[in-house]
Amino acid sequence: MSNYWLVGANWDGVAKDQSFVEQGVWMLGWNEKDQPTQYKKAEDIKVGDRIAIKKMRGQKGGLKILHIGTIKGVILDINKVICTVDWVVTNLNRDIEESRGCFKSIHGPYEKDEWIQEVFCL
C-alpha cells in the first residue's frame, strides 16, 4: 500500500519546486545533523509512495498544492535524502483550506482519507 507525503521545496526563502520538477527529483534541504527528526521521517519514503509539494498560503492559512508525483527511487547519501519522482501533475496551485499543521519540510506518512483525497486527487 502506498503512503502519502506532503513536502516543502523552499530553501532559505528560495523556491526550488520548479527545478525539482524539471530534474525529476525532490530533496530534503536539511541534513541529518541539522534536522534529525525531518531527516528520519524522509528516510521512510518508499518507492510507489505519492508525494505532493506544498507551500503555505500566508495569512489566509491553509496550503497550496503545487505538484503531485509518485516516488521512483530513494537515495540516502552524504547526509541528504534525494527522491527520484515521476511528477504526474505540475503547476497545480490547488488551495487546501485545512493545513493540518503541515508547516515543516516533510509530513507523513498519511493513509488515504478525505483530506488526503482532496490534496492528491487528479
PDB file of N, CA and C in Angstrom:
ATOM      1  N   MET A   1       0.836  -1.185   0.000  1.00  0.00           N
ATOM      2  CA  MET A   1       0.000   0.000   0.000  1.00  0.00           C
ATOM      3  C   MET A   1       0.880   1.247   0.000  1.00  0.00           C
ATOM      4  N   SER A   2       0.522   2.185  -0.819  1.00  0.00           N
ATOM      5  CA  SER A   2       1.281   3.434  -0.915  1.00  0.00           C
ATOM      6  C   SER A   2       0.910   4.380   0.218  1.00  0.00           C
ATOM      7  N   ASN A   3       1.894   5.125   0.676  1.00  0.00           N
ATOM      8  CA  ASN A   3       1.657   6.198   1.626  1.00  0.00           C
ATOM      9  C   ASN A   3       1.686   7.527   0.884  1.00  0.00           C
ATOM     10  N   TYR A   4       1.235   8.562   1.570  1.00  0.00           N
ATOM     11  CA  TYR A   4       1.154   9.901   1.005  1.00  0.00           C
ATOM     12  C   TYR A   4       2.003  10.844   1.844  1.00  0.00           C
ATOM     13  N   TRP A   5       2.765  11.709   1.167  1.00  0.00           N
ATOM     14  CA  TRP A   5       3.680  12.643   1.816  1.00  0.00           C
ATOM     15  C   TRP A   5       3.444  14.050   1.291  1.00  0.00           C
ATOM     16  N   LEU A   6       3.426  15.030   2.189  1.00  0.00           N
ATOM     17  CA  LEU A   6       3.416  16.439   1.803  1.00  0.00           C
ATOM     18  C   LEU A   6       4.774  17.000   2.142  1.00  0.00           C
ATOM     19  N   VAL A   7       5.394  17.661   1.175  1.00  0.00           N
ATOM     20  CA  VAL A   7       6.765  18.124   1.349  1.00  0.00           C
ATOM     21  C   VAL A   7       6.898  19.574   0.915  1.00  0.00           C
ATOM     22  N   GLY A   8       7.885  20.239   1.460  1.00  0.00           N
ATOM     23  CA  GLY A   8       8.212  21.600   1.076  1.00  0.00           C
ATOM     24  C   GLY A   8       9.332  21.613   0.050  1.00  0.00           C
ATOM     25  N   ALA A   9       9.506  22.767  -0.567  1.00  0.00           N
ATOM     26  CA  ALA A   9      10.581  22.934  -1.554  1.00  0.00           C
ATOM     27  C   ALA A   9      11.104  24.362  -1.504  1.00  0.00           C
ATOM     28  N   ASN A  10      11.143  24.932  -0.309  1.00  0.00           N
ATOM     29  CA  ASN A  10      11.617  26.294  -0.119  1.00  0.00           C
ATOM     30  C   ASN A  10      12.882  26.230   0.735  1.00  0.00           C
ATOM     31  N   TRP A  11      13.998  26.599   0.159  1.00  0.00           N
ATOM     32  CA  TRP A  11      15.272  26.541   0.871  1.00  0.00           C
ATOM     33  C   TRP A  11      15.737  27.961   1.145  1.00  0.00           C
ATOM     34  N   ASP A  12      15.737  28.337   2.406  1.00  0.00           N
ATOM     35  CA  ASP A  12      16.183  29.674   2.814  1.00  0.00           C
ATOM     36  C   ASP A  12      15.509  30.772   1.987  1.00  0.00           C
ATOM     37  N   GLY A  13      14.197  30.632   1.788  1.00  0.00           N
ATOM     38  CA  GLY A  13      13.434  31.635   1.067  1.00  0.00           C
ATOM     39  C   GLY A  13      13.466  31.519  -0.447  1.00  0.00           C
ATOM     40  N   VAL A  14      14.140  30.503  -0.967  1.00  0.00           N
ATOM     41  CA  VAL A  14      14.227  30.302  -2.414  1.00  0.00           C
ATOM     42  C   VAL A  14      13.372  29.090  -2.797  1.00  0.00           C
ATOM     43  N   ALA A  15      12.386  29.298  -3.676  1.00  0.00           N
ATOM     44  CA  ALA A  15      11.529  28.209  -4.142  1.00  0.00           C
ATOM     45  C   ALA A  15      12.305  27.297  -5.083  1.00  0.00           C
ATOM     46  N   LYS A  16      12.384  26.023  -4.739  1.00  0.00           N
ATOM     47  CA  LYS A  16      13.111  25.038  -5.549  1.00  0.00           C
ATOM     48  C   LYS A  16      12.170  24.119  -6.321  1.00  0.00           C
ATOM     49  N   ASP A  17      10.851  24.302  -6.177  1.00  0.00           N
ATOM     50  CA  ASP A  17       9.914  23.339  -6.752  1.00  0.00           C
ATOM     51  C   ASP A  17      10.042  23.191  -8.264  1.00  0.00           C
ATOM     52  N   GLN A  18      10.219  24.287  -9.000  1.00  0.00           N
ATOM     53  CA  GLN A  18      10.323  24.177 -10.461  1.00  0.00           C
ATOM     54  C   GLN A  18      11.575  23.405 -10.878  1.00  0.00           C
ATOM     55  N   SER A  19      12.684  23.637 -10.199  1.00  0.00           N
ATOM     56  CA  SER A  19      13.899  22.889 -10.563  1.00  0.00           C
ATOM     57  C   SER A  19      13.758  21.415 -10.181  1.00  0.00           C
ATOM     58  N   PHE A  20      13.061  21.125  -9.077  1.00  0.00           N
ATOM     59  CA  PHE A  20      12.816  19.725  -8.714  1.00  0.00           C
ATOM     60  C   PHE A  20      11.993  19.034  -9.793  1.00  0.00           C
ATOM     61  N   VAL A  21      10.949  19.701 -10.263  1.00  0.00           N
ATOM     62  CA  VAL A  21      10.093  19.124 -11.305  1.00  0.00           C
ATOM     63  C   VAL A  21      10.899  18.899 -12.582  1.00  0.00           C
ATOM     64  N   GLU A  22      11.674  19.888 -12.984  1.00  0.00           N
ATOM     65  CA  GLU A  22      12.483  19.765 -14.204  1.00  0.00           C
ATOM     66  C   GLU A  22      13.496  18.625 -14.105  1.00  0.00           C
ATOM     67  N   GLN A  23      14.053  18.413 -12.905  1.00  0.00           N
ATOM     68  CA  GLN A  23      15.068  17.379 -12.703  1.00  0.00           C
ATOM     69  C   GLN A  23      14.475  16.022 -12.340  1.00  0.00           C
ATOM     70  N   GLY A  24      13.154  15.967 -12.067  1.00  0.00           N
ATOM     71  CA  GLY A  24      12.518  14.709 -11.686  1.00  0.00           C
ATOM     72  C   GLY A  24      12.938  14.232 -10.315  1.00  0.00           C
ATOM     73  N   VAL A  25      13.096  15.188  -9.372  1.00  0.00           N
ATOM     74  CA  VAL A  25      13.551  14.838  -8.025  1.00  0.00           C
ATOM     75  C   VAL A  25      12.784  15.640  -6.968  1.00  0.00           C
ATOM     76  N   TRP A  26      12.949  15.239  -5.728  1.00  0.00           N
ATOM     77  CA  TRP A  26      12.659  16.062  -4.557  1.00  0.00           C
ATOM     78  C   TRP A  26      13.791  15.795  -3.580  1.00  0.00           C
ATOM     79  N   MET A  27      14.293  16.855  -2.951  1.00  0.00           N
ATOM     80  CA  MET A  27      15.373  16.715  -1.978  1.00  0.00           C
ATOM     81  C   MET A  27      14.988  17.393  -0.682  1.00  0.00           C
ATOM     82  N   LEU A  28      15.325  16.749   0.409  1.00  0.00           N
ATOM     83  CA  LEU A  28      15.180  17.375   1.716  1.00  0.00           C
ATOM     84  C   LEU A  28      16.336  18.355   1.874  1.00  0.00           C
ATOM     85  N   GLY A  29      16.013  19.606   2.160  1.00  0.00           N
ATOM     86  CA  GLY A  29      17.038  20.643   2.246  1.00  0.00           C
ATOM     87  C   GLY A  29      17.855  20.613   3.523  1.00  0.00           C
ATOM     88  N   TRP A  30      17.453  19.801   4.474  1.00  0.00           N
ATOM     89  CA  TRP A  30      18.170  19.710   5.751  1.00  0.00           C
ATOM     90  C   TRP A  30      19.008  18.446   5.771  1.00  0.00           C
ATOM     91  N   ASN A  31      20.165  18.533   6.416  1.00  0.00           N
ATOM     92  CA  ASN A  31      20.923  17.304   6.593  1.00  0.00           C
ATOM     93  C   ASN A  31      20.577  16.693   7.952  1.00  0.00           C
ATOM     94  N   GLU A  32      21.044  15.495   8.171  1.00  0.00           N
ATOM     95  CA  GLU A  32      20.687  14.745   9.377  1.00  0.00           C
ATOM     96  C   GLU A  32      21.103  15.474  10.650  1.00  0.00           C
ATOM     97  N   LYS A  33      22.255  16.099  10.633  1.00  0.00           N
ATOM     98  CA  LYS A  33      22.766  16.783  11.824  1.00  0.00           C
ATOM     99  C   LYS A  33      21.899  17.984  12.202  1.00  0.00           C
ATOM    100  N   ASP A  34      21.446  18.756  11.209  1.00  0.00           N
ATOM    101  CA  ASP A  34      20.687  19.978  11.481  1.00  0.00           C
ATOM    102  C   ASP A  34      19.219  19.732  11.818  1.00  0.00           C
ATOM    103  N   GLN A  35      18.615  18.748  11.200  1.00  0.00           N
ATOM    104  CA  GLN A  35      17.193  18.458  11.397  1.00  0.00           C
ATOM    105  C   GLN A  35      16.977  16.951  11.492  1.00  0.00           C
ATOM    106  N   PRO A  36      17.420  16.317  12.580  1.00  0.00           N
ATOM    107  CA  PRO A  36      17.351  14.855  12.661  1.00  0.00           C
ATOM    108  C   PRO A  36      15.928  14.299  12.552  1.00  0.00           C
ATOM    109  N   THR A  37      14.933  14.988  13.086  1.00  0.00           N
ATOM    110  CA  THR A  37      13.559  14.483  13.020  1.00  0.00           C
ATOM    111  C   THR A  37      13.045  14.484  11.593  1.00  0.00           C
ATOM    112  N   GLN A  38      13.265  15.570  10.861  1.00  0.00           N
ATOM    113  CA  GLN A  38      12.832  15.658   9.467  1.00  0.00           C
ATOM    114  C   GLN A  38      13.580  14.645   8.611  1.00  0.00           C
ATOM    115  N   TYR A  39      14.871  14.500   8.850  1.00  0.00           N
ATOM    116  CA  TYR A  39      15.684  13.558   8.090  1.00  0.00           C
ATOM    117  C   TYR A  39      15.186  12.132   8.302  1.00  0.00           C
ATOM    118  N   LYS A  40      14.928  11.767   9.553  1.00  0.00           N
ATOM    119  CA  LYS A  40      14.467  10.418   9.882  1.00  0.00           C
ATOM    120  C   LYS A  40      13.133  10.137   9.192  1.00  0.00           C
ATOM    121  N   LYS A  41      12.237  11.111   9.189  1.00  0.00           N
ATOM    122  CA  LYS A  41      10.937  10.948   8.540  1.00  0.00           C
ATOM    123  C   LYS A  41      11.134  10.729   7.034  1.00  0.00           C
ATOM    124  N   ALA A  42      12.007  11.501   6.405  1.00  0.00           N
ATOM    125  CA  ALA A  42      12.247  11.380   4.963  1.00  0.00           C
ATOM    126  C   ALA A  42      12.818  10.015   4.603  1.00  0.00           C
ATOM    127  N   GLU A  43      13.572   9.415   5.511  1.00  0.00           N
ATOM    128  CA  GLU A  43      14.133   8.081   5.260  1.00  0.00           C
ATOM    129  C   GLU A  43      13.051   7.022   5.092  1.00  0.00           C
ATOM    130  N   ASP A  44      11.835   7.297   5.558  1.00  0.00           N
ATOM    131  CA  ASP A  44      10.737   6.337   5.483  1.00  0.00           C
ATOM    132  C   ASP A  44       9.991   6.368   4.151  1.00  0.00           C
ATOM    133  N   ILE A  45      10.301   7.306   3.275  1.00  0.00           N
ATOM    134  CA  ILE A  45       9.660   7.368   1.958  1.00  0.00           C
ATOM    135  C   ILE A  45      10.101   6.148   1.149  1.00  0.00           C
ATOM    136  N   LYS A  46       9.139   5.527   0.475  1.00  0.00           N
ATOM    137  CA  LYS A  46       9.411   4.303  -0.279  1.00  0.00           C
ATOM    138  C   LYS A  46       8.967   4.448  -1.733  1.00  0.00           C
ATOM    139  N   VAL A  47       9.538   3.624  -2.591  1.00  0.00           N
ATOM    140  CA  VAL A  47       9.141   3.568  -3.997  1.00  0.00           C
ATOM    141  C   VAL A  47       7.645   3.267  -4.067  1.00  0.00           C
ATOM    142  N   GLY A  48       6.942   4.014  -4.920  1.00  0.00           N
ATOM    143  CA  GLY A  48       5.497   3.838  -5.083  1.00  0.00           C
ATOM    144  C   GLY A  48       4.668   4.776  -4.230  1.00  0.00           C
ATOM    145  N   ASP A  49       5.282   5.407  -3.221  1.00  0.00           N
ATOM    146  CA  ASP A  49       4.555   6.381  -2.402  1.00  0.00           C
ATOM    147  C   ASP A  49       4.212   7.593  -3.248  1.00  0.00           C
ATOM    148  N   ARG A  50       3.162   8.289  -2.843  1.00  0.00           N
ATOM    149  CA  ARG A  50       2.751   9.522  -3.521  1.00  0.00           C
ATOM    150  C   ARG A  50       3.332  10.710  -2.763  1.00  0.00           C
ATOM    151  N   ILE A  51       3.659  11.762  -3.496  1.00  0.00           N
ATOM    152  CA  ILE A  51       4.286  12.948  -2.913  1.00  0.00           C
ATOM    153  C   ILE A  51       3.646  14.198  -3.516  1.00  0.00           C
ATOM    154  N   ALA A  52       3.454  15.207  -2.691  1.00  0.00           N
ATOM    155  CA  ALA A  52       2.921  16.484  -3.171  1.00  0.00           C
ATOM    156  C   ALA A  52       3.780  17.604  -2.596  1.00  0.00           C
ATOM    157  N   ILE A  53       4.229  18.509  -3.450  1.00  0.00           N
ATOM    158  CA  ILE A  53       4.935  19.696  -2.972  1.00  0.00           C
ATOM    159  C   ILE A  53       3.880  20.730  -2.610  1.00  0.00           C
ATOM    160  N   LYS A  54       4.004  21.231  -1.385  1.00  0.00           N
ATOM    161  CA  LYS A  54       3.053  22.221  -0.869  1.00  0.00           C
ATOM    162  C   LYS A  54       3.786  23.499  -0.509  1.00  0.00           C
ATOM    163  N   LYS A  55       3.011  24.569  -0.389  1.00  0.00           N
ATOM    164  CA  LYS A  55       3.549  25.796   0.183  1.00  0.00           C
ATOM    165  C   LYS A  55       2.446  26.422   1.016  1.00  0.00           C
ATOM    166  N   MET A  56       2.841  27.233   1.962  1.00  0.00           N
ATOM    167  CA  MET A  56       1.879  27.892   2.844  1.00  0.00           C
ATOM    168  C   MET A  56       1.163  28.994   2.078  1.00  0.00           C
ATOM    169  N   ARG A  57      -0.099  29.219   2.447  1.00  0.00           N
ATOM    170  CA  ARG A  57      -0.890  30.266   1.798  1.00  0.00           C
ATOM    171  C   ARG A  57      -0.776  31.608   2.504  1.00  0.00           C
ATOM    172  N   GLY A  58       0.187  31.763   3.367  1.00  0.00           N
ATOM    173  CA  GLY A  58       0.394  33.045   4.048  1.00  0.00           C
ATOM    174  C   GLY A  58      -0.675  33.301   5.088  1.00  0.00           C
ATOM    175  N   GLN A  59      -1.124  34.539   5.194  1.00  0.00           N
ATOM    176  CA  GLN A  59      -2.070  34.928   6.240  1.00  0.00           C
ATOM    177  C   GLN A  59      -3.429  34.266   6.087  1.00  0.00           C
ATOM    178  N   LYS A  60      -3.777  33.806   4.895  1.00  0.00           N
ATOM    179  CA  LYS A  60      -5.048  33.114   4.697  1.00  0.00           C
ATOM    180  C   LYS A  60      -5.095  31.795   5.452  1.00  0.00           C
ATOM    181  N   GLY A  61      -3.931  31.230   5.718  1.00  0.00           N
ATOM    182  CA  GLY A  61      -3.865  29.899   6.301  1.00  0.00           C
ATOM    183  C   GLY A  61      -4.052  28.851   5.218  1.00  0.00           C
ATOM    184  N   GLY A  62      -3.933  27.620   5.591  1.00  0.00           N
ATOM    185  CA  GLY A  62      -4.078  26.536   4.627  1.00  0.00           C
ATOM    186  C   GLY A  62      -2.834  26.361   3.774  1.00  0.00           C
ATOM    187  N   LEU A  63      -2.993  25.560   2.731  1.00  0.00           N
ATOM    188  CA  LEU A  63      -1.877  25.190   1.856  1.00  0.00           C
ATOM    189  C   LEU A  63      -2.231  25.407   0.399  1.00  0.00           C
ATOM    190  N   LYS A  64      -1.199  25.514  -0.411  1.00  0.00           N
ATOM    191  CA  LYS A  64      -1.332  25.410  -1.862  1.00  0.00           C
ATOM    192  C   LYS A  64      -0.566  24.159  -2.269  1.00  0.00           C
ATOM    193  N   ILE A  65      -1.206  23.318  -3.056  1.00  0.00           N
ATOM    194  CA  ILE A  65      -0.543  22.136  -3.594  1.00  0.00           C
ATOM    195  C   ILE A  65      -0.060  22.510  -4.991  1.00  0.00           C
ATOM    196  N   LEU A  66       1.254  22.368  -5.200  1.00  0.00           N
ATOM    197  CA  LEU A  66       1.871  22.811  -6.446  1.00  0.00           C
ATOM    198  C   LEU A  66       2.096  21.681  -7.450  1.00  0.00           C
ATOM    199  N   HIS A  67       2.561  20.527  -6.961  1.00  0.00           N
ATOM    200  CA  HIS A  67       2.933  19.423  -7.846  1.00  0.00           C
ATOM    201  C   HIS A  67       2.629  18.102  -7.142  1.00  0.00           C
ATOM    202  N   ILE A  68       2.232  17.099  -7.910  1.00  0.00           N
ATOM    203  CA  ILE A  68       1.932  15.770  -7.367  1.00  0.00           C
ATOM    204  C   ILE A  68       2.700  14.739  -8.184  1.00  0.00           C
ATOM    205  N   GLY A  69       3.307  13.782  -7.477  1.00  0.00           N
ATOM    206  CA  GLY A  69       4.061  12.751  -8.182  1.00  0.00           C
ATOM    207  C   GLY A  69       4.090  11.436  -7.436  1.00  0.00           C
ATOM    208  N   THR A  70       4.793  10.488  -8.038  1.00  0.00           N
ATOM    209  CA  THR A  70       4.992   9.159  -7.476  1.00  0.00           C
ATOM    210  C   THR A  70       6.491   8.925  -7.318  1.00  0.00           C
ATOM    211  N   ILE A  71       6.885   8.399  -6.170  1.00  0.00           N
ATOM    212  CA  ILE A  71       8.301   8.135  -5.891  1.00  0.00           C
ATOM    213  C   ILE A  71       8.788   6.961  -6.747  1.00  0.00           C
ATOM    214  N   LYS A  72       9.877   7.183  -7.478  1.00  0.00           N
ATOM    215  CA  LYS A  72      10.501   6.135  -8.289  1.00  0.00           C
ATOM    216  C   LYS A  72      11.719   5.539  -7.602  1.00  0.00           C
ATOM    217  N   GLY A  73      12.376   6.322  -6.752  1.00  0.00           N
ATOM    218  CA  GLY A  73      13.566   5.836  -6.068  1.00  0.00           C
ATOM    219  C   GLY A  73      13.929   6.758  -4.927  1.00  0.00           C
ATOM    220  N   VAL A  74      14.675   6.218  -3.961  1.00  0.00           N
ATOM    221  CA  VAL A  74      15.124   6.998  -2.805  1.00  0.00           C
ATOM    222  C   VAL A  74      16.621   6.792  -2.658  1.00  0.00           C
ATOM    223  N   ILE A  75      17.352   7.900  -2.597  1.00  0.00           N
ATOM    224  CA  ILE A  75      18.805   7.860  -2.448  1.00  0.00           C
ATOM    225  C   ILE A  75      19.141   8.456  -1.088  1.00  0.00           C
ATOM    226  N   LEU A  76      19.775   7.662  -0.249  1.00  0.00           N
ATOM    227  CA  LEU A  76      20.232   8.130   1.064  1.00  0.00           C
ATOM    228  C   LEU A  76      21.743   8.189   0.984  1.00  0.00           C
ATOM    229  N   ASP A  77      22.262   9.379   0.786  1.00  0.00           N
ATOM    230  CA  ASP A  77      23.693   9.511   0.532  1.00  0.00           C
ATOM    231  C   ASP A  77      24.190  10.823   1.118  1.00  0.00           C
ATOM    232  N   ILE A  78      25.419  10.828   1.554  1.00  0.00           N
ATOM    233  CA  ILE A  78      26.114  12.009   2.079  1.00  0.00           C
ATOM    234  C   ILE A  78      25.228  12.908   2.936  1.00  0.00           C
ATOM    235  N   ASN A  79      24.471  12.277   3.831  1.00  0.00           N
ATOM    236  CA  ASN A  79      23.671  13.050   4.791  1.00  0.00           C
ATOM    237  C   ASN A  79      22.508  13.800   4.147  1.00  0.00           C
ATOM    238  N   LYS A  80      22.070  13.403   2.966  1.00  0.00           N
ATOM    239  CA  LYS A  80      20.931  14.010   2.274  1.00  0.00           C
ATOM    240  C   LYS A  80      19.931  12.920   1.900  1.00  0.00           C
ATOM    241  N   VAL A  81      18.674  13.305   1.741  1.00  0.00           N
ATOM    242  CA  VAL A  81      17.660  12.414   1.201  1.00  0.00           C
ATOM    243  C   VAL A  81      17.232  12.986  -0.137  1.00  0.00           C
ATOM    244  N   ILE A  82      17.392  12.188  -1.188  1.00  0.00           N
ATOM    245  CA  ILE A  82      17.018  12.590  -2.540  1.00  0.00           C
ATOM    246  C   ILE A  82      16.062  11.536  -3.073  1.00  0.00           C
ATOM    247  N   CYS A  83      14.903  11.968  -3.545  1.00  0.00           N
ATOM    248  CA  CYS A  83      13.933  11.060  -4.145  1.00  0.00           C
ATOM    249  C   CYS A  83      13.834  11.358  -5.629  1.00  0.00           C
ATOM    250  N   THR A  84      13.870  10.295  -6.443  1.00  0.00           N
ATOM    251  CA  THR A  84      13.536  10.476  -7.845  1.00  0.00           C
ATOM    252  C   THR A  84      12.018  10.358  -7.940  1.00  0.00           C
ATOM    253  N   VAL A  85      11.418  11.242  -8.745  1.00  0.00           N
ATOM    254  CA  VAL A  85       9.957  11.371  -8.760  1.00  0.00           C
ATOM    255  C   VAL A  85       9.444  11.443 -10.189  1.00  0.00           C
ATOM    256  N   ASP A  86       8.350  10.738 -10.431  1.00  0.00           N
ATOM    257  CA  ASP A  86       7.593  10.904 -11.661  1.00  0.00           C
ATOM    258  C   ASP A  86       6.535  11.958 -11.347  1.00  0.00           C
ATOM    259  N   TRP A  87       6.795  13.205 -11.744  1.00  0.00           N
ATOM    260  CA  TRP A  87       5.864  14.301 -11.470  1.00  0.00           C
ATOM    261  C   TRP A  87       4.688  14.180 -12.431  1.00  0.00           C
ATOM    262  N   VAL A  88       3.570  13.689 -11.937  1.00  0.00           N
ATOM    263  CA  VAL A  88       2.396  13.379 -12.746  1.00  0.00           C
ATOM    264  C   VAL A  88       1.601  14.637 -13.095  1.00  0.00           C
ATOM    265  N   VAL A  89       1.437  15.534 -12.123  1.00  0.00           N
ATOM    266  CA  VAL A  89       0.710  16.786 -12.330  1.00  0.00           C
ATOM    267  C   VAL A  89       1.578  17.915 -11.787  1.00  0.00           C
ATOM    268  N   THR A  90       1.793  18.943 -12.600  1.00  0.00           N
ATOM    269  CA  THR A  90       2.632  20.063 -12.172  1.00  0.00           C
ATOM    270  C   THR A  90       1.860  21.373 -12.294  1.00  0.00           C
ATOM    271  N   ASN A  91       2.364  22.374 -11.593  1.00  0.00           N
ATOM    272  CA  ASN A  91       1.793  23.730 -11.637  1.00  0.00           C
ATOM    273  C   ASN A  91       0.298  23.760 -11.324  1.00  0.00           C
ATOM    274  N   LEU A  92      -0.084  23.037 -10.268  1.00  0.00           N
ATOM    275  CA  LEU A  92      -1.488  22.932  -9.880  1.00  0.00           C
ATOM    276  C   LEU A  92      -2.047  24.203  -9.245  1.00  0.00           C
ATOM    277  N   ASN A  93      -1.354  24.699  -8.217  1.00  0.00           N
ATOM    278  CA  ASN A  93      -1.825  25.864  -7.471  1.00  0.00           C
ATOM    279  C   ASN A  93      -3.187  25.618  -6.808  1.00  0.00           C
ATOM    280  N   ARG A  94      -3.364  24.405  -6.250  1.00  0.00           N
ATOM    281  CA  ARG A  94      -4.623  23.982  -5.623  1.00  0.00           C
ATOM    282  C   ARG A  94      -4.691  24.469  -4.181  1.00  0.00           C
ATOM    283  N   ASP A  95      -5.763  25.170  -3.829  1.00  0.00           N
ATOM    284  CA  ASP A  95      -5.968  25.633  -2.456  1.00  0.00           C
ATOM    285  C   ASP A  95      -6.545  24.520  -1.595  1.00  0.00           C
ATOM    286  N   ILE A  96      -5.925  24.314  -0.445  1.00  0.00           N
ATOM    287  CA  ILE A  96      -6.430  23.388   0.570  1.00  0.00           C
ATOM    288  C   ILE A  96      -6.655  24.220   1.823  1.00  0.00           C
ATOM    289  N   GLU A  97      -7.880  24.320   2.253  1.00  0.00           N
ATOM    290  CA  GLU A  97      -8.232  25.195   3.381  1.00  0.00           C
ATOM    291  C   GLU A  97      -7.577  24.762   4.689  1.00  0.00           C
ATOM    292  N   GLU A  98      -7.579  23.472   4.954  1.00  0.00           N
ATOM    293  CA  GLU A  98      -7.066  22.959   6.230  1.00  0.00           C
ATOM    294  C   GLU A  98      -5.608  22.529   6.065  1.00  0.00           C
ATOM    295  N   SER A  99      -4.718  23.117   6.855  1.00  0.00           N
ATOM    296  CA  SER A  99      -3.288  22.790   6.723  1.00  0.00           C
ATOM    297  C   SER A  99      -2.893  21.553   7.514  1.00  0.00           C
ATOM    298  N   ARG A 100      -3.663  21.192   8.531  1.00  0.00           N
ATOM    299  CA  ARG A 100      -3.334  20.073   9.436  1.00  0.00           C
ATOM    300  C   ARG A 100      -1.917  20.190   9.986  1.00  0.00           C
ATOM    301  N   GLY A 101      -1.452  21.415  10.171  1.00  0.00           N
ATOM    302  CA  GLY A 101      -0.147  21.630  10.788  1.00  0.00           C
ATOM    303  C   GLY A 101       1.042  21.320   9.897  1.00  0.00           C
ATOM    304  N   CYS A 102       0.853  21.271   8.603  1.00  0.00           N
ATOM    305  CA  CYS A 102       1.939  20.928   7.667  1.00  0.00           C
ATOM    306  C   CYS A 102       2.804  22.153   7.385  1.00  0.00           C
ATOM    307  N   PHE A 103       3.606  22.533   8.374  1.00  0.00           N
ATOM    308  CA  PHE A 103       4.430  23.734   8.257  1.00  0.00           C
ATOM    309  C   PHE A 103       5.913  23.424   8.052  1.00  0.00           C
ATOM    310  N   LYS A 104       6.321  22.192   8.264  1.00  0.00           N
ATOM    311  CA  LYS A 104       7.732  21.841   8.137  1.00  0.00           C
ATOM    312  C   LYS A 104       8.021  21.279   6.756  1.00  0.00           C
ATOM    313  N   SER A 105       9.239  20.756   6.584  1.00  0.00           N
ATOM    314  CA  SER A 105       9.706  20.282   5.282  1.00  0.00           C
ATOM    315  C   SER A 105       9.030  19.011   4.806  1.00  0.00           C
ATOM    316  N   ILE A 106       8.605  18.170   5.740  1.00  0.00           N
ATOM    317  CA  ILE A 106       8.024  16.886   5.340  1.00  0.00           C
ATOM    318  C   ILE A 106       6.981  16.444   6.360  1.00  0.00           C
ATOM    319  N   HIS A 107       5.865  15.945   5.835  1.00  0.00           N
ATOM    320  CA  HIS A 107       4.776  15.443   6.676  1.00  0.00           C
ATOM    321  C   HIS A 107       4.261  14.146   6.090  1.00  0.00           C
ATOM    322  N   GLY A 108       4.052  13.187   6.957  1.00  0.00           N
ATOM    323  CA  GLY A 108       3.561  11.881   6.546  1.00  0.00           C
ATOM    324  C   GLY A 108       4.256  10.826   7.383  1.00  0.00           C
ATOM    325  N   PRO A 109       4.050   9.599   7.081  1.00  0.00           N
ATOM    326  CA  PRO A 109       3.194   9.129   6.000  1.00  0.00           C
ATOM    327  C   PRO A 109       1.712   9.214   6.390  1.00  0.00           C
ATOM    328  N   TYR A 110       0.892   9.533   5.388  1.00  0.00           N
ATOM    329  CA  TYR A 110      -0.553   9.553   5.565  1.00  0.00           C
ATOM    330  C   TYR A 110      -1.146   8.385   4.797  1.00  0.00           C
ATOM    331  N   GLU A 111      -2.214   7.861   5.339  1.00  0.00           N
ATOM    332  CA  GLU A 111      -3.027   6.913   4.595  1.00  0.00           C
ATOM    333  C   GLU A 111      -4.163   7.699   3.973  1.00  0.00           C
ATOM    334  N   LYS A 112      -4.827   7.107   3.026  1.00  0.00           N
ATOM    335  CA  LYS A 112      -5.881   7.812   2.302  1.00  0.00           C
ATOM    336  C   LYS A 112      -7.081   8.080   3.220  1.00  0.00           C
ATOM    337  N   ASP A 113      -7.471   9.325   3.288  1.00  0.00           N
ATOM    338  CA  ASP A 113      -8.695   9.743   3.954  1.00  0.00           C
ATOM    339  C   ASP A 113      -9.268  10.901   3.138  1.00  0.00           C
ATOM    340  N   GLU A 114     -10.313  11.537   3.612  1.00  0.00           N
ATOM    341  CA  GLU A 114     -10.964  12.602   2.841  1.00  0.00           C
ATOM    342  C   GLU A 114     -10.014  13.773   2.564  1.00  0.00           C
ATOM    343  N   TRP A 115      -9.219  14.160   3.573  1.00  0.00           N
ATOM    344  CA  TRP A 115      -8.294  15.277   3.409  1.00  0.00           C
ATOM    345  C   TRP A 115      -7.204  14.939   2.390  1.00  0.00           C
ATOM    346  N   ILE A 116      -6.628  13.754   2.495  1.00  0.00           N
ATOM    347  CA  ILE A 116      -5.589  13.318   1.549  1.00  0.00           C
ATOM    348  C   ILE A 116      -6.176  13.225   0.141  1.00  0.00           C
ATOM    349  N   GLN A 117      -7.402  12.763   0.030  1.00  0.00           N
ATOM    350  CA  GLN A 117      -8.059  12.710  -1.277  1.00  0.00           C
ATOM    351  C   GLN A 117      -8.166  14.108  -1.889  1.00  0.00           C
ATOM    352  N   GLU A 118      -8.499  15.114  -1.057  1.00  0.00           N
ATOM    353  CA  GLU A 118      -8.582  16.498  -1.535  1.00  0.00           C
ATOM    354  C   GLU A 118      -7.219  16.987  -2.020  1.00  0.00           C
ATOM    355  N   VAL A 119      -6.164  16.640  -1.292  1.00  0.00           N
ATOM    356  CA  VAL A 119      -4.815  17.064  -1.648  1.00  0.00           C
ATOM    357  C   VAL A 119      -4.339  16.386  -2.938  1.00  0.00           C
ATOM    358  N   PHE A 120      -4.560  15.075  -3.054  1.00  0.00           N
ATOM    359  CA  PHE A 120      -3.947  14.288  -4.127  1.00  0.00           C
ATOM    360  C   PHE A 120      -4.846  13.972  -5.314  1.00  0.00           C
ATOM    361  N   CYS A 121      -6.106  14.373  -5.291  1.00  0.00           N
ATOM    362  CA  CYS A 121      -6.992  13.977  -6.394  1.00  0.00           C
ATOM    363  C   CYS A 121      -6.465  14.546  -7.715  1.00  0.00           C
ATOM    364  N   LEU A 122      -6.565  13.721  -8.735  1.00  0.00           N
ATOM    365  CA  LEU A 122      -6.127  14.114 -10.068  1.00  0.00           C
ATOM    366  C   LEU A 122      -7.347  14.502 -10.833  1.00  0.00           C
TER     367      LEU A 122
END
